[in-house]
Amino acid sequence: MLITGEKQRLAGNAALQRSIRHRFPYIDPLHHLQVELVRRYRAGQADEKVQRGIHISINGIAAGLRNTG
């Protein structure tokens, strides 16, 4: 990486690197859902369901990152 000079992210912290890598399969679907909902919101479909979905996806991703490892 440009700043650290390492070839991999978190090369100096194998435990954290492994923990984050194991989280991705569980939170990736939420990332994809969030991108679609934000796309709809920006396209003008800013109804209550879309806004609520965005908020729920944000909370879900935050919870997934906080509660693993």
N, C-alpha and C. Protein backbone atom coordinates (compact mmCIF):
# COMPACT_ATOMS: atom_id res chain seq x y z
N MET A 1 0.84 -1.16 0.00
CA MET A 1 0.00 0.00 0.00
C MET A 1 0.90 1.24 0.00
N LEU A 2 0.40 2.29 -0.52
CA LEU A 2 1.22 3.48 -0.72
C LEU A 2 1.76 4.08 0.58
N ILE A 3 0.96 4.11 1.60
CA ILE A 3 1.37 4.77 2.85
C ILE A 3 2.28 3.88 3.68
N THR A 4 1.88 2.63 3.87
CA THR A 4 2.63 1.74 4.76
C THR A 4 3.79 1.03 4.08
N GLY A 5 3.75 0.93 2.76
CA GLY A 5 4.78 0.19 2.04
C GLY A 5 4.55 -1.31 2.05
N GLU A 6 3.50 -1.76 2.69
CA GLU A 6 3.18 -3.20 2.74
C GLU A 6 2.51 -3.64 1.44
N LYS A 7 2.63 -4.92 1.13
CA LYS A 7 1.99 -5.46 -0.08
C LYS A 7 0.53 -5.80 0.16
N GLN A 8 0.15 -6.01 1.41
CA GLN A 8 -1.23 -6.33 1.78
C GLN A 8 -1.70 -5.39 2.87
N ARG A 9 -3.01 -5.17 2.90
CA ARG A 9 -3.57 -4.41 4.01
C ARG A 9 -3.41 -5.20 5.30
N LEU A 10 -3.12 -4.52 6.37
CA LEU A 10 -2.98 -5.11 7.70
C LEU A 10 -1.92 -6.21 7.75
N ALA A 11 -0.89 -6.09 6.96
CA ALA A 11 0.16 -7.12 6.92
C ALA A 11 0.81 -7.30 8.29
N GLY A 12 0.83 -6.25 9.09
CA GLY A 12 1.44 -6.35 10.41
C GLY A 12 0.50 -6.82 11.50
N ASN A 13 -0.75 -7.11 11.15
CA ASN A 13 -1.73 -7.54 12.15
C ASN A 13 -2.55 -8.69 11.57
N ALA A 14 -1.98 -9.87 11.61
CA ALA A 14 -2.60 -11.04 10.99
C ALA A 14 -3.96 -11.39 11.61
N ALA A 15 -4.09 -11.22 12.90
CA ALA A 15 -5.36 -11.56 13.55
C ALA A 15 -6.48 -10.65 13.06
N LEU A 16 -6.23 -9.37 12.99
CA LEU A 16 -7.26 -8.44 12.50
C LEU A 16 -7.54 -8.68 11.02
N GLN A 17 -6.51 -8.93 10.24
CA GLN A 17 -6.68 -9.22 8.82
C GLN A 17 -7.59 -10.45 8.63
N ARG A 18 -7.35 -11.50 9.38
CA ARG A 18 -8.15 -12.72 9.30
C ARG A 18 -9.59 -12.46 9.73
N SER A 19 -9.75 -11.71 10.81
CA SER A 19 -11.08 -11.40 11.32
C SER A 19 -11.91 -10.64 10.29
N ILE A 20 -11.32 -9.63 9.69
CA ILE A 20 -12.04 -8.85 8.68
C ILE A 20 -12.35 -9.70 7.45
N ARG A 21 -11.41 -10.50 7.02
CA ARG A 21 -11.62 -11.36 5.84
C ARG A 21 -12.79 -12.32 6.08
N HIS A 22 -12.95 -12.81 7.30
CA HIS A 22 -14.05 -13.74 7.59
C HIS A 22 -15.40 -13.04 7.70
N ARG A 23 -15.42 -11.74 7.91
CA ARG A 23 -16.67 -11.00 8.00
C ARG A 23 -17.31 -10.75 6.64
N PHE A 24 -16.48 -10.59 5.62
CA PHE A 24 -16.98 -10.15 4.32
C PHE A 24 -18.12 -11.00 3.75
N PRO A 25 -18.06 -12.32 3.81
CA PRO A 25 -19.17 -13.10 3.23
C PRO A 25 -20.53 -12.81 3.89
N TYR A 26 -20.49 -12.36 5.12
CA TYR A 26 -21.73 -12.10 5.85
C TYR A 26 -22.27 -10.70 5.61
N ILE A 27 -21.38 -9.73 5.40
CA ILE A 27 -21.87 -8.36 5.22
C ILE A 27 -21.89 -7.91 3.77
N ASP A 28 -21.27 -8.65 2.85
CA ASP A 28 -21.31 -8.27 1.44
C ASP A 28 -22.73 -8.14 0.88
N PRO A 29 -23.65 -9.05 1.19
CA PRO A 29 -25.02 -8.85 0.69
C PRO A 29 -25.64 -7.53 1.15
N LEU A 30 -25.32 -7.12 2.37
CA LEU A 30 -25.83 -5.83 2.85
C LEU A 30 -25.21 -4.67 2.09
N HIS A 31 -23.93 -4.79 1.72
CA HIS A 31 -23.29 -3.75 0.92
C HIS A 31 -24.01 -3.59 -0.42
N HIS A 32 -24.29 -4.72 -1.07
CA HIS A 32 -24.95 -4.68 -2.37
C HIS A 32 -26.36 -4.09 -2.26
N LEU A 33 -27.06 -4.47 -1.23
CA LEU A 33 -28.40 -3.93 -0.99
C LEU A 33 -28.32 -2.42 -0.75
N GLN A 34 -27.37 -2.00 0.03
CA GLN A 34 -27.22 -0.58 0.33
C GLN A 34 -26.91 0.23 -0.93
N VAL A 35 -26.05 -0.28 -1.79
CA VAL A 35 -25.73 0.41 -3.04
C VAL A 35 -26.98 0.57 -3.89
N GLU A 36 -27.77 -0.48 -4.00
CA GLU A 36 -29.00 -0.40 -4.80
C GLU A 36 -29.99 0.60 -4.20
N LEU A 37 -30.14 0.59 -2.89
CA LEU A 37 -31.07 1.52 -2.26
C LEU A 37 -30.63 2.97 -2.41
N VAL A 38 -29.33 3.21 -2.29
CA VAL A 38 -28.83 4.58 -2.47
C VAL A 38 -29.01 5.01 -3.93
N ARG A 39 -28.82 4.09 -4.87
CA ARG A 39 -29.05 4.39 -6.28
C ARG A 39 -30.49 4.82 -6.50
N ARG A 40 -31.42 4.08 -5.91
CA ARG A 40 -32.84 4.43 -6.04
C ARG A 40 -33.14 5.77 -5.41
N TYR A 41 -32.56 6.01 -4.25
CA TYR A 41 -32.77 7.28 -3.54
C TYR A 41 -32.31 8.46 -4.39
N ARG A 42 -31.13 8.32 -4.96
CA ARG A 42 -30.58 9.40 -5.79
C ARG A 42 -31.36 9.58 -7.10
N ALA A 43 -32.02 8.52 -7.55
CA ALA A 43 -32.81 8.60 -8.78
C ALA A 43 -34.17 9.24 -8.53
N GLY A 44 -34.45 9.60 -7.28
CA GLY A 44 -35.70 10.27 -6.96
C GLY A 44 -36.74 9.41 -6.28
N GLN A 45 -36.43 8.15 -6.08
CA GLN A 45 -37.35 7.25 -5.40
C GLN A 45 -37.05 7.29 -3.90
N ALA A 46 -37.30 8.43 -3.30
CA ALA A 46 -36.92 8.65 -1.90
C ALA A 46 -38.10 8.42 -0.98
N ASP A 47 -38.83 7.33 -1.20
CA ASP A 47 -39.97 7.07 -0.32
C ASP A 47 -39.50 6.50 1.01
N GLU A 48 -40.44 6.29 1.89
CA GLU A 48 -40.13 5.85 3.25
C GLU A 48 -39.45 4.48 3.27
N LYS A 49 -39.88 3.56 2.41
CA LYS A 49 -39.28 2.22 2.39
C LYS A 49 -37.81 2.26 1.98
N VAL A 50 -37.49 3.08 1.00
CA VAL A 50 -36.10 3.18 0.55
C VAL A 50 -35.24 3.80 1.66
N GLN A 51 -35.71 4.86 2.26
CA GLN A 51 -34.95 5.50 3.33
C GLN A 51 -34.77 4.56 4.52
N ARG A 52 -35.81 3.85 4.87
CA ARG A 52 -35.72 2.90 5.99
C ARG A 52 -34.75 1.77 5.65
N GLY A 53 -34.79 1.30 4.41
CA GLY A 53 -33.86 0.25 3.98
C GLY A 53 -32.41 0.69 4.06
N ILE A 54 -32.14 1.94 3.68
CA ILE A 54 -30.78 2.48 3.78
C ILE A 54 -30.34 2.49 5.24
N HIS A 55 -31.19 2.98 6.12
CA HIS A 55 -30.83 3.04 7.54
C HIS A 55 -30.61 1.65 8.13
N ILE A 56 -31.47 0.71 7.76
CA ILE A 56 -31.32 -0.65 8.28
C ILE A 56 -30.03 -1.29 7.77
N SER A 57 -29.69 -1.05 6.50
CA SER A 57 -28.45 -1.62 5.96
C SER A 57 -27.23 -1.02 6.65
N ILE A 58 -27.27 0.28 6.93
CA ILE A 58 -26.16 0.92 7.65
C ILE A 58 -26.00 0.27 9.03
N ASN A 59 -27.10 0.11 9.73
CA ASN A 59 -27.05 -0.51 11.07
C ASN A 59 -26.58 -1.96 10.99
N GLY A 60 -27.02 -2.69 9.97
CA GLY A 60 -26.63 -4.08 9.83
C GLY A 60 -25.13 -4.23 9.57
N ILE A 61 -24.60 -3.39 8.70
CA ILE A 61 -23.16 -3.44 8.41
C ILE A 61 -22.37 -3.06 9.65
N ALA A 62 -22.79 -2.02 10.35
CA ALA A 62 -22.09 -1.60 11.57
C ALA A 62 -22.11 -2.72 12.61
N ALA A 63 -23.25 -3.37 12.76
CA ALA A 63 -23.35 -4.46 13.73
C ALA A 63 -22.46 -5.64 13.32
N GLY A 64 -22.43 -5.94 12.03
CA GLY A 64 -21.59 -7.04 11.55
C GLY A 64 -20.11 -6.78 11.77
N LEU A 65 -19.69 -5.55 11.61
CA LEU A 65 -18.29 -5.22 11.84
C LEU A 65 -17.93 -5.19 13.31
N ARG A 66 -18.89 -4.85 14.12
CA ARG A 66 -18.63 -4.71 15.55
C ARG A 66 -18.67 -6.06 16.28
N ASN A 67 -19.48 -6.99 15.81
CA ASN A 67 -19.75 -8.20 16.59
C ASN A 67 -19.02 -9.44 16.13
N THR A 68 -17.99 -9.30 15.32
CA THR A 68 -17.27 -10.50 14.88
C THR A 68 -15.81 -10.41 15.30
N GLY A 69 -15.16 -11.53 15.27
CA GLY A 69 -13.73 -11.52 15.51
C GLY A 69 -13.38 -11.80 16.91
